[in-house]
Amino acid sequence: MSEYLITCVRKSERTAAGHKHITSVGIGGQRYTVAQIYQFIDVGHTFRTASGSTGREAPVTKYQCCGLNTLRSYADRYGTTIWITYPSAPDPAGSASIQSMA
């Protein structure tokens, strides 16, 4: 299977617990929902993200928080959790398949 670089994320509004959840991610100019990324992971694809300032990368995995499916990147070896958030990520890709992510 293939590995893909997540270049941006969109997050929910703050929860009652005071934090946000990732709702979609940007890859190659398209946006994919968390549910789509879960499907891609389930068939063997992997995802990573990178710091825009340092270039350091971290793997992205499924994550459950507050009973919701979301995504998580783990801290790199320097202890920095890497996510890049852009308010102008493209609209959702709809029924995009993994082939369109190449």
PDB file of N, CA and C in Angstrom:
ATOM      1  N   MET A   1       0.840  -1.189   0.000  1.00  0.00           N
ATOM      2  CA  MET A   1       0.000   0.000   0.000  1.00  0.00           C
ATOM      3  C   MET A   1       0.881   1.248   0.000  1.00  0.00           C
ATOM      4  N   SER A   2       0.250   2.397   0.023  1.00  0.00           N
ATOM      5  CA  SER A   2       0.983   3.655  -0.113  1.00  0.00           C
ATOM      6  C   SER A   2       0.956   4.484   1.163  1.00  0.00           C
ATOM      7  N   GLU A   3       1.892   5.450   1.212  1.00  0.00           N
ATOM      8  CA  GLU A   3       1.948   6.399   2.317  1.00  0.00           C
ATOM      9  C   GLU A   3       1.641   7.787   1.759  1.00  0.00           C
ATOM     10  N   TYR A   4       0.886   8.573   2.514  1.00  0.00           N
ATOM     11  CA  TYR A   4       0.463   9.895   2.065  1.00  0.00           C
ATOM     12  C   TYR A   4       0.797  10.954   3.103  1.00  0.00           C
ATOM     13  N   LEU A   5       1.129  12.136   2.630  1.00  0.00           N
ATOM     14  CA  LEU A   5       1.456  13.262   3.495  1.00  0.00           C
ATOM     15  C   LEU A   5       0.228  14.138   3.698  1.00  0.00           C
ATOM     16  N   ILE A   6      -0.197  14.284   4.936  1.00  0.00           N
ATOM     17  CA  ILE A   6      -1.288  15.195   5.291  1.00  0.00           C
ATOM     18  C   ILE A   6      -0.678  16.580   5.440  1.00  0.00           C
ATOM     19  N   THR A   7      -1.175  17.524   4.658  1.00  0.00           N
ATOM     20  CA  THR A   7      -0.583  18.863   4.650  1.00  0.00           C
ATOM     21  C   THR A   7      -1.383  19.892   5.432  1.00  0.00           C
ATOM     22  N   CYS A   8      -2.641  19.580   5.771  1.00  0.00           N
ATOM     23  CA  CYS A   8      -3.429  20.512   6.578  1.00  0.00           C
ATOM     24  C   CYS A   8      -4.581  19.758   7.227  1.00  0.00           C
ATOM     25  N   VAL A   9      -5.150  20.349   8.255  1.00  0.00           N
ATOM     26  CA  VAL A   9      -6.289  19.748   8.946  1.00  0.00           C
ATOM     27  C   VAL A   9      -7.354  20.805   9.201  1.00  0.00           C
ATOM     28  N   ARG A  10      -8.580  20.334   9.359  1.00  0.00           N
ATOM     29  CA  ARG A  10      -9.670  21.166   9.860  1.00  0.00           C
ATOM     30  C   ARG A  10     -10.129  20.543  11.162  1.00  0.00           C
ATOM     31  N   LYS A  11     -10.455  21.398  12.113  1.00  0.00           N
ATOM     32  CA  LYS A  11     -10.868  20.925  13.434  1.00  0.00           C
ATOM     33  C   LYS A  11     -12.272  21.401  13.760  1.00  0.00           C
ATOM     34  N   SER A  12     -12.907  20.679  14.692  1.00  0.00           N
ATOM     35  CA  SER A  12     -14.234  21.031  15.181  1.00  0.00           C
ATOM     36  C   SER A  12     -14.148  22.276  16.063  1.00  0.00           C
ATOM     37  N   GLU A  13     -15.300  22.755  16.445  1.00  0.00           N
ATOM     38  CA  GLU A  13     -15.349  23.785  17.478  1.00  0.00           C
ATOM     39  C   GLU A  13     -14.912  23.134  18.793  1.00  0.00           C
ATOM     40  N   ARG A  14     -14.608  23.943  19.786  1.00  0.00           N
ATOM     41  CA  ARG A  14     -14.188  23.397  21.085  1.00  0.00           C
ATOM     42  C   ARG A  14     -15.311  22.557  21.697  1.00  0.00           C
ATOM     43  N   THR A  15     -14.914  21.443  22.279  1.00  0.00           N
ATOM     44  CA  THR A  15     -15.865  20.566  22.967  1.00  0.00           C
ATOM     45  C   THR A  15     -16.124  21.104  24.366  1.00  0.00           C
ATOM     46  N   ALA A  16     -17.031  20.454  25.076  1.00  0.00           N
ATOM     47  CA  ALA A  16     -17.292  20.831  26.462  1.00  0.00           C
ATOM     48  C   ALA A  16     -16.038  20.654  27.318  1.00  0.00           C
ATOM     49  N   ALA A  17     -15.177  19.719  26.885  1.00  0.00           N
ATOM     50  CA  ALA A  17     -13.919  19.485  27.603  1.00  0.00           C
ATOM     51  C   ALA A  17     -12.867  20.542  27.275  1.00  0.00           C
ATOM     52  N   GLY A  18     -13.162  21.423  26.327  1.00  0.00           N
ATOM     53  CA  GLY A  18     -12.266  22.531  26.024  1.00  0.00           C
ATOM     54  C   GLY A  18     -11.236  22.300  24.934  1.00  0.00           C
ATOM     55  N   HIS A  19     -11.365  21.217  24.179  1.00  0.00           N
ATOM     56  CA  HIS A  19     -10.410  20.978  23.099  1.00  0.00           C
ATOM     57  C   HIS A  19     -11.143  20.714  21.785  1.00  0.00           C
ATOM     58  N   LYS A  20     -10.395  20.598  20.704  1.00  0.00           N
ATOM     59  CA  LYS A  20     -10.965  20.404  19.371  1.00  0.00           C
ATOM     60  C   LYS A  20     -10.576  19.028  18.841  1.00  0.00           C
ATOM     61  N   HIS A  21     -11.370  18.533  17.862  1.00  0.00           N
ATOM     62  CA  HIS A  21     -11.080  17.266  17.201  1.00  0.00           C
ATOM     63  C   HIS A  21     -10.855  17.511  15.711  1.00  0.00           C
ATOM     64  N   ILE A  22      -9.969  16.740  15.120  1.00  0.00           N
ATOM     65  CA  ILE A  22      -9.761  16.824  13.677  1.00  0.00           C
ATOM     66  C   ILE A  22     -10.988  16.241  12.988  1.00  0.00           C
ATOM     67  N   THR A  23     -11.534  16.974  12.013  1.00  0.00           N
ATOM     68  CA  THR A  23     -12.719  16.518  11.276  1.00  0.00           C
ATOM     69  C   THR A  23     -12.403  16.159   9.831  1.00  0.00           C
ATOM     70  N   SER A  24     -11.343  16.744   9.276  1.00  0.00           N
ATOM     71  CA  SER A  24     -10.927  16.411   7.913  1.00  0.00           C
ATOM     72  C   SER A  24      -9.473  16.809   7.734  1.00  0.00           C
ATOM     73  N   VAL A  25      -8.862  16.247   6.692  1.00  0.00           N
ATOM     74  CA  VAL A  25      -7.454  16.523   6.418  1.00  0.00           C
ATOM     75  C   VAL A  25      -7.270  16.844   4.942  1.00  0.00           C
ATOM     76  N   GLY A  26      -6.207  17.588   4.640  1.00  0.00           N
ATOM     77  CA  GLY A  26      -5.874  17.908   3.260  1.00  0.00           C
ATOM     78  C   GLY A  26      -4.693  17.084   2.792  1.00  0.00           C
ATOM     79  N   ILE A  27      -4.847  16.493   1.595  1.00  0.00           N
ATOM     80  CA  ILE A  27      -3.789  15.692   0.977  1.00  0.00           C
ATOM     81  C   ILE A  27      -3.812  16.001  -0.515  1.00  0.00           C
ATOM     82  N   GLY A  28      -2.683  16.459  -1.039  1.00  0.00           N
ATOM     83  CA  GLY A  28      -2.590  16.689  -2.475  1.00  0.00           C
ATOM     84  C   GLY A  28      -3.644  17.612  -3.050  1.00  0.00           C
ATOM     85  N   GLY A  29      -4.012  18.643  -2.310  1.00  0.00           N
ATOM     86  CA  GLY A  29      -4.982  19.611  -2.811  1.00  0.00           C
ATOM     87  C   GLY A  29      -6.437  19.221  -2.628  1.00  0.00           C
ATOM     88  N   GLN A  30      -6.705  18.074  -1.997  1.00  0.00           N
ATOM     89  CA  GLN A  30      -8.081  17.666  -1.718  1.00  0.00           C
ATOM     90  C   GLN A  30      -8.239  17.419  -0.232  1.00  0.00           C
ATOM     91  N   ARG A  31      -9.481  17.526   0.216  1.00  0.00           N
ATOM     92  CA  ARG A  31      -9.758  17.290   1.626  1.00  0.00           C
ATOM     93  C   ARG A  31     -10.517  15.981   1.779  1.00  0.00           C
ATOM     94  N   TYR A  32     -10.187  15.231   2.820  1.00  0.00           N
ATOM     95  CA  TYR A  32     -10.807  13.947   3.113  1.00  0.00           C
ATOM     96  C   TYR A  32     -11.311  13.946   4.542  1.00  0.00           C
ATOM     97  N   THR A  33     -12.476  13.351   4.755  1.00  0.00           N
ATOM     98  CA  THR A  33     -13.036  13.276   6.098  1.00  0.00           C
ATOM     99  C   THR A  33     -12.266  12.246   6.921  1.00  0.00           C
ATOM    100  N   VAL A  34     -12.438  12.314   8.215  1.00  0.00           N
ATOM    101  CA  VAL A  34     -11.823  11.336   9.101  1.00  0.00           C
ATOM    102  C   VAL A  34     -12.330   9.937   8.735  1.00  0.00           C
ATOM    103  N   ALA A  35     -13.623   9.798   8.429  1.00  0.00           N
ATOM    104  CA  ALA A  35     -14.178   8.487   8.063  1.00  0.00           C
ATOM    105  C   ALA A  35     -13.478   7.925   6.825  1.00  0.00           C
ATOM    106  N   GLN A  36     -13.189   8.766   5.842  1.00  0.00           N
ATOM    107  CA  GLN A  36     -12.480   8.311   4.651  1.00  0.00           C
ATOM    108  C   GLN A  36     -11.065   7.848   4.999  1.00  0.00           C
ATOM    109  N   ILE A  37     -10.374   8.607   5.845  1.00  0.00           N
ATOM    110  CA  ILE A  37      -9.008   8.234   6.227  1.00  0.00           C
ATOM    111  C   ILE A  37      -9.034   6.916   6.998  1.00  0.00           C
ATOM    112  N   TYR A  38     -10.036   6.707   7.859  1.00  0.00           N
ATOM    113  CA  TYR A  38     -10.161   5.428   8.566  1.00  0.00           C
ATOM    114  C   TYR A  38     -10.282   4.278   7.566  1.00  0.00           C
ATOM    115  N   GLN A  39     -11.085   4.455   6.527  1.00  0.00           N
ATOM    116  CA  GLN A  39     -11.243   3.407   5.505  1.00  0.00           C
ATOM    117  C   GLN A  39      -9.915   3.135   4.811  1.00  0.00           C
ATOM    118  N   PHE A  40      -9.174   4.184   4.479  1.00  0.00           N
ATOM    119  CA  PHE A  40      -7.883   4.014   3.810  1.00  0.00           C
ATOM    120  C   PHE A  40      -6.882   3.292   4.714  1.00  0.00           C
ATOM    121  N   ILE A  41      -6.872   3.634   6.014  1.00  0.00           N
ATOM    122  CA  ILE A  41      -5.989   2.962   6.961  1.00  0.00           C
ATOM    123  C   ILE A  41      -6.365   1.486   7.073  1.00  0.00           C
ATOM    124  N   ASP A  42      -7.665   1.211   7.098  1.00  0.00           N
ATOM    125  CA  ASP A  42      -8.140  -0.169   7.235  1.00  0.00           C
ATOM    126  C   ASP A  42      -7.686  -1.075   6.094  1.00  0.00           C
ATOM    127  N   VAL A  43      -7.456  -0.512   4.911  1.00  0.00           N
ATOM    128  CA  VAL A  43      -6.998  -1.343   3.779  1.00  0.00           C
ATOM    129  C   VAL A  43      -5.482  -1.302   3.626  1.00  0.00           C
ATOM    130  N   GLY A  44      -4.792  -0.651   4.572  1.00  0.00           N
ATOM    131  CA  GLY A  44      -3.345  -0.735   4.600  1.00  0.00           C
ATOM    132  C   GLY A  44      -2.553   0.502   4.222  1.00  0.00           C
ATOM    133  N   HIS A  45      -3.218   1.598   3.888  1.00  0.00           N
ATOM    134  CA  HIS A  45      -2.491   2.831   3.576  1.00  0.00           C
ATOM    135  C   HIS A  45      -2.019   3.488   4.872  1.00  0.00           C
ATOM    136  N   THR A  46      -0.929   4.226   4.798  1.00  0.00           N
ATOM    137  CA  THR A  46      -0.421   4.929   5.972  1.00  0.00           C
ATOM    138  C   THR A  46      -0.354   6.421   5.687  1.00  0.00           C
ATOM    139  N   PHE A  47      -0.347   7.197   6.764  1.00  0.00           N
ATOM    140  CA  PHE A  47      -0.370   8.646   6.659  1.00  0.00           C
ATOM    141  C   PHE A  47       0.663   9.240   7.603  1.00  0.00           C
ATOM    142  N   ARG A  48       1.171  10.393   7.213  1.00  0.00           N
ATOM    143  CA  ARG A  48       2.134  11.120   8.025  1.00  0.00           C
ATOM    144  C   ARG A  48       1.852  12.601   7.847  1.00  0.00           C
ATOM    145  N   THR A  49       2.415  13.392   8.721  1.00  0.00           N
ATOM    146  CA  THR A  49       2.341  14.839   8.609  1.00  0.00           C
ATOM    147  C   THR A  49       3.727  15.394   8.909  1.00  0.00           C
ATOM    148  N   ALA A  50       3.967  16.632   8.534  1.00  0.00           N
ATOM    149  CA  ALA A  50       5.284  17.230   8.723  1.00  0.00           C
ATOM    150  C   ALA A  50       5.150  18.662   9.211  1.00  0.00           C
ATOM    151  N   SER A  51       6.097  19.069  10.007  1.00  0.00           N
ATOM    152  CA  SER A  51       6.152  20.444  10.477  1.00  0.00           C
ATOM    153  C   SER A  51       6.557  21.348   9.323  1.00  0.00           C
ATOM    154  N   GLY A  52       5.818  22.414   9.125  1.00  0.00           N
ATOM    155  CA  GLY A  52       6.160  23.369   8.083  1.00  0.00           C
ATOM    156  C   GLY A  52       7.434  24.133   8.365  1.00  0.00           C
ATOM    157  N   SER A  53       7.779  24.281   9.641  1.00  0.00           N
ATOM    158  CA  SER A  53       8.970  25.065   9.983  1.00  0.00           C
ATOM    159  C   SER A  53      10.242  24.219  10.102  1.00  0.00           C
ATOM    160  N   THR A  54      10.093  22.964  10.548  1.00  0.00           N
ATOM    161  CA  THR A  54      11.298  22.147  10.747  1.00  0.00           C
ATOM    162  C   THR A  54      11.423  21.005   9.750  1.00  0.00           C
ATOM    163  N   GLY A  55      10.308  20.631   9.105  1.00  0.00           N
ATOM    164  CA  GLY A  55      10.314  19.505   8.188  1.00  0.00           C
ATOM    165  C   GLY A  55      10.240  18.159   8.884  1.00  0.00           C
ATOM    166  N   ARG A  56      10.259  18.139  10.216  1.00  0.00           N
ATOM    167  CA  ARG A  56      10.164  16.884  10.952  1.00  0.00           C
ATOM    168  C   ARG A  56       8.819  16.222  10.681  1.00  0.00           C
ATOM    169  N   GLU A  57       8.821  14.897  10.563  1.00  0.00           N
ATOM    170  CA  GLU A  57       7.613  14.152  10.257  1.00  0.00           C
ATOM    171  C   GLU A  57       7.170  13.297  11.429  1.00  0.00           C
ATOM    172  N   ALA A  58       5.872  12.980  11.443  1.00  0.00           N
ATOM    173  CA  ALA A  58       5.310  12.108  12.465  1.00  0.00           C
ATOM    174  C   ALA A  58       4.206  11.273  11.828  1.00  0.00           C
ATOM    175  N   PRO A  59       4.060  10.013  12.255  1.00  0.00           N
ATOM    176  CA  PRO A  59       2.984   9.178  11.728  1.00  0.00           C
ATOM    177  C   PRO A  59       1.629   9.659  12.234  1.00  0.00           C
ATOM    178  N   VAL A  60       0.596   9.398  11.449  1.00  0.00           N
ATOM    179  CA  VAL A  60      -0.776   9.743  11.808  1.00  0.00           C
ATOM    180  C   VAL A  60      -1.542   8.441  12.010  1.00  0.00           C
ATOM    181  N   THR A  61      -2.302   8.361  13.087  1.00  0.00           N
ATOM    182  CA  THR A  61      -3.046   7.148  13.405  1.00  0.00           C
ATOM    183  C   THR A  61      -4.486   7.471  13.770  1.00  0.00           C
ATOM    184  N   LYS A  62      -5.297   6.413  13.793  1.00  0.00           N
ATOM    185  CA  LYS A  62      -6.667   6.536  14.284  1.00  0.00           C
ATOM    186  C   LYS A  62      -6.599   6.883  15.774  1.00  0.00           C
ATOM    187  N   TYR A  63      -7.606   7.620  16.237  1.00  0.00           N
ATOM    188  CA  TYR A  63      -7.634   8.007  17.643  1.00  0.00           C
ATOM    189  C   TYR A  63      -9.074   8.253  18.046  1.00  0.00           C
ATOM    190  N   GLN A  64      -9.447   7.791  19.221  1.00  0.00           N
ATOM    191  CA  GLN A  64     -10.783   8.048  19.756  1.00  0.00           C
ATOM    192  C   GLN A  64     -10.670   9.024  20.910  1.00  0.00           C
ATOM    193  N   CYS A  65     -11.517  10.036  20.885  1.00  0.00           N
ATOM    194  CA  CYS A  65     -11.540  11.030  21.955  1.00  0.00           C
ATOM    195  C   CYS A  65     -12.991  11.456  22.161  1.00  0.00           C
ATOM    196  N   CYS A  66     -13.409  11.507  23.377  1.00  0.00           N
ATOM    197  CA  CYS A  66     -14.779  11.921  23.697  1.00  0.00           C
ATOM    198  C   CYS A  66     -15.812  11.049  22.978  1.00  0.00           C
ATOM    199  N   GLY A  67     -15.449   9.799  22.690  1.00  0.00           N
ATOM    200  CA  GLY A  67     -16.356   8.896  21.999  1.00  0.00           C
ATOM    201  C   GLY A  67     -16.434   9.122  20.499  1.00  0.00           C
ATOM    202  N   LEU A  68     -15.570   9.971  19.962  1.00  0.00           N
ATOM    203  CA  LEU A  68     -15.580  10.289  18.534  1.00  0.00           C
ATOM    204  C   LEU A  68     -14.336   9.738  17.850  1.00  0.00           C
ATOM    205  N   ASN A  69     -14.492   9.339  16.597  1.00  0.00           N
ATOM    206  CA  ASN A  69     -13.346   8.952  15.785  1.00  0.00           C
ATOM    207  C   ASN A  69     -12.656  10.208  15.278  1.00  0.00           C
ATOM    208  N   THR A  70     -11.367  10.289  15.502  1.00  0.00           N
ATOM    209  CA  THR A  70     -10.576  11.412  15.019  1.00  0.00           C
ATOM    210  C   THR A  70      -9.199  10.876  14.648  1.00  0.00           C
ATOM    211  N   LEU A  71      -8.241  11.740  14.428  1.00  0.00           N
ATOM    212  CA  LEU A  71      -6.893  11.339  14.051  1.00  0.00           C
ATOM    213  C   LEU A  71      -5.896  11.963  15.001  1.00  0.00           C
ATOM    214  N   ARG A  72      -4.732  11.355  15.058  1.00  0.00           N
ATOM    215  CA  ARG A  72      -3.694  11.853  15.950  1.00  0.00           C
ATOM    216  C   ARG A  72      -2.337  11.687  15.280  1.00  0.00           C
ATOM    217  N   SER A  73      -1.481  12.682  15.493  1.00  0.00           N
ATOM    218  CA  SER A  73      -0.075  12.508  15.119  1.00  0.00           C
ATOM    219  C   SER A  73       0.702  12.424  16.420  1.00  0.00           C
ATOM    220  N   TYR A  74       1.677  11.559  16.447  1.00  0.00           N
ATOM    221  CA  TYR A  74       2.473  11.409  17.650  1.00  0.00           C
ATOM    222  C   TYR A  74       3.616  12.402  17.644  1.00  0.00           C
ATOM    223  N   ALA A  75       4.050  12.750  18.821  1.00  0.00           N
ATOM    224  CA  ALA A  75       5.161  13.691  18.943  1.00  0.00           C
ATOM    225  C   ALA A  75       6.405  13.105  18.291  1.00  0.00           C
ATOM    226  N   ASP A  76       7.172  13.968  17.662  1.00  0.00           N
ATOM    227  CA  ASP A  76       8.443  13.513  17.099  1.00  0.00           C
ATOM    228  C   ASP A  76       9.433  13.303  18.241  1.00  0.00           C
ATOM    229  N   ARG A  77      10.646  12.929  17.936  1.00  0.00           N
ATOM    230  CA  ARG A  77      11.611  12.609  18.991  1.00  0.00           C
ATOM    231  C   ARG A  77      11.999  13.829  19.821  1.00  0.00           C
ATOM    232  N   TYR A  78      11.612  15.025  19.377  1.00  0.00           N
ATOM    233  CA  TYR A  78      11.901  16.251  20.123  1.00  0.00           C
ATOM    234  C   TYR A  78      10.732  16.659  21.013  1.00  0.00           C
ATOM    235  N   GLY A  79       9.653  15.847  21.011  1.00  0.00           N
ATOM    236  CA  GLY A  79       8.508  16.137  21.864  1.00  0.00           C
ATOM    237  C   GLY A  79       7.506  17.089  21.257  1.00  0.00           C
ATOM    238  N   THR A  80       7.645  17.379  19.973  1.00  0.00           N
ATOM    239  CA  THR A  80       6.733  18.298  19.310  1.00  0.00           C
ATOM    240  C   THR A  80       5.649  17.514  18.594  1.00  0.00           C
ATOM    241  N   THR A  81       4.392  17.739  18.954  1.00  0.00           N
ATOM    242  CA  THR A  81       3.299  17.131  18.217  1.00  0.00           C
ATOM    243  C   THR A  81       3.091  17.970  16.960  1.00  0.00           C
ATOM    244  N   ILE A  82       3.053  17.304  15.830  1.00  0.00           N
ATOM    245  CA  ILE A  82       3.057  18.020  14.551  1.00  0.00           C
ATOM    246  C   ILE A  82       1.678  17.998  13.914  1.00  0.00           C
ATOM    247  N   TRP A  83       1.068  19.157  13.736  1.00  0.00           N
ATOM    248  CA  TRP A  83      -0.129  19.334  12.911  1.00  0.00           C
ATOM    249  C   TRP A  83      -0.029  20.707  12.276  1.00  0.00           C
ATOM    250  N   ILE A  84      -0.449  20.775  11.068  1.00  0.00           N
ATOM    251  CA  ILE A  84      -0.463  22.046  10.366  1.00  0.00           C
ATOM    252  C   ILE A  84      -1.922  22.390  10.104  1.00  0.00           C
ATOM    253  N   THR A  85      -2.378  23.524  10.587  1.00  0.00           N
ATOM    254  CA  THR A  85      -3.778  23.899  10.423  1.00  0.00           C
ATOM    255  C   THR A  85      -3.891  25.107   9.506  1.00  0.00           C
ATOM    256  N   TYR A  86      -4.640  24.946   8.434  1.00  0.00           N
ATOM    257  CA  TYR A  86      -4.904  26.037   7.504  1.00  0.00           C
ATOM    258  C   TYR A  86      -6.400  26.240   7.407  1.00  0.00           C
ATOM    259  N   PRO A  87      -6.894  27.450   7.600  1.00  0.00           N
ATOM    260  CA  PRO A  87      -8.338  27.664   7.503  1.00  0.00           C
ATOM    261  C   PRO A  87      -8.851  27.532   6.073  1.00  0.00           C
ATOM    262  N   SER A  88      -7.965  27.545   5.086  1.00  0.00           N
ATOM    263  CA  SER A  88      -8.422  27.530   3.695  1.00  0.00           C
ATOM    264  C   SER A  88      -8.218  26.174   3.020  1.00  0.00           C
ATOM    265  N   ALA A  89      -8.244  25.075   3.797  1.00  0.00           N
ATOM    266  CA  ALA A  89      -8.128  23.749   3.187  1.00  0.00           C
ATOM    267  C   ALA A  89      -9.267  23.573   2.195  1.00  0.00           C
ATOM    268  N   PRO A  90      -9.048  22.864   1.090  1.00  0.00           N
ATOM    269  CA  PRO A  90     -10.081  22.697   0.069  1.00  0.00           C
ATOM    270  C   PRO A  90     -11.325  22.012   0.610  1.00  0.00           C
ATOM    271  N   ASP A  91     -12.419  22.087  -0.140  1.00  0.00           N
ATOM    272  CA  ASP A  91     -13.663  21.441   0.250  1.00  0.00           C
ATOM    273  C   ASP A  91     -13.505  19.932   0.264  1.00  0.00           C
ATOM    274  N   PRO A  92     -14.405  19.231   0.976  1.00  0.00           N
ATOM    275  CA  PRO A  92     -14.293  17.770   1.067  1.00  0.00           C
ATOM    276  C   PRO A  92     -14.267  17.116  -0.298  1.00  0.00           C
ATOM    277  N   ALA A  93     -13.574  15.984  -0.378  1.00  0.00           N
ATOM    278  CA  ALA A  93     -13.406  15.279  -1.644  1.00  0.00           C
ATOM    279  C   ALA A  93     -14.623  14.419  -1.991  1.00  0.00           C
ATOM    280  N   GLY A  94     -15.604  14.341  -1.109  1.00  0.00           N
ATOM    281  CA  GLY A  94     -16.799  13.566  -1.394  1.00  0.00           C
ATOM    282  C   GLY A  94     -16.493  12.086  -1.486  1.00  0.00           C
ATOM    283  N   SER A  95     -16.739  11.495  -2.632  1.00  0.00           N
ATOM    284  CA  SER A  95     -16.585  10.055  -2.786  1.00  0.00           C
ATOM    285  C   SER A  95     -15.220   9.689  -3.352  1.00  0.00           C
ATOM    286  N   ALA A  96     -14.216  10.455  -3.048  1.00  0.00           N
ATOM    287  CA  ALA A  96     -12.873  10.208  -3.588  1.00  0.00           C
ATOM    288  C   ALA A  96     -12.358   8.839  -3.173  1.00  0.00           C
ATOM    289  N   SER A  97     -11.638   8.210  -4.042  1.00  0.00           N
ATOM    290  CA  SER A  97     -11.025   6.929  -3.730  1.00  0.00           C
ATOM    291  C   SER A  97      -9.551   7.130  -3.479  1.00  0.00           C
ATOM    292  N   ILE A  98      -8.918   6.136  -2.948  1.00  0.00           N
ATOM    293  CA  ILE A  98      -7.508   6.245  -2.634  1.00  0.00           C
ATOM    294  C   ILE A  98      -6.685   6.509  -3.899  1.00  0.00           C
ATOM    295  N   GLN A  99      -7.125   6.051  -5.064  1.00  0.00           N
ATOM    296  CA  GLN A  99      -6.382   6.282  -6.292  1.00  0.00           C
ATOM    297  C   GLN A  99      -6.264   7.772  -6.599  1.00  0.00           C
ATOM    298  N   SER A 100      -7.265   8.564  -6.210  1.00  0.00           N
ATOM    299  CA  SER A 100      -7.224   9.990  -6.506  1.00  0.00           C
ATOM    300  C   SER A 100      -6.275  10.737  -5.579  1.00  0.00           C
ATOM    301  N   MET A 101      -5.745  10.041  -4.566  1.00  0.00           N
ATOM    302  CA  MET A 101      -4.870  10.693  -3.624  1.00  0.00           C
ATOM    303  C   MET A 101      -3.423  10.694  -4.075  1.00  0.00           C
ATOM    304  N   ALA A 102      -3.092   9.964  -5.112  1.00  0.00           N
ATOM    305  CA  ALA A 102      -1.706   9.863  -5.558  1.00  0.00           C
ATOM    306  C   ALA A 102      -1.204  11.167  -6.126  1.00  0.00           C
TER     307      ALA A 102
END
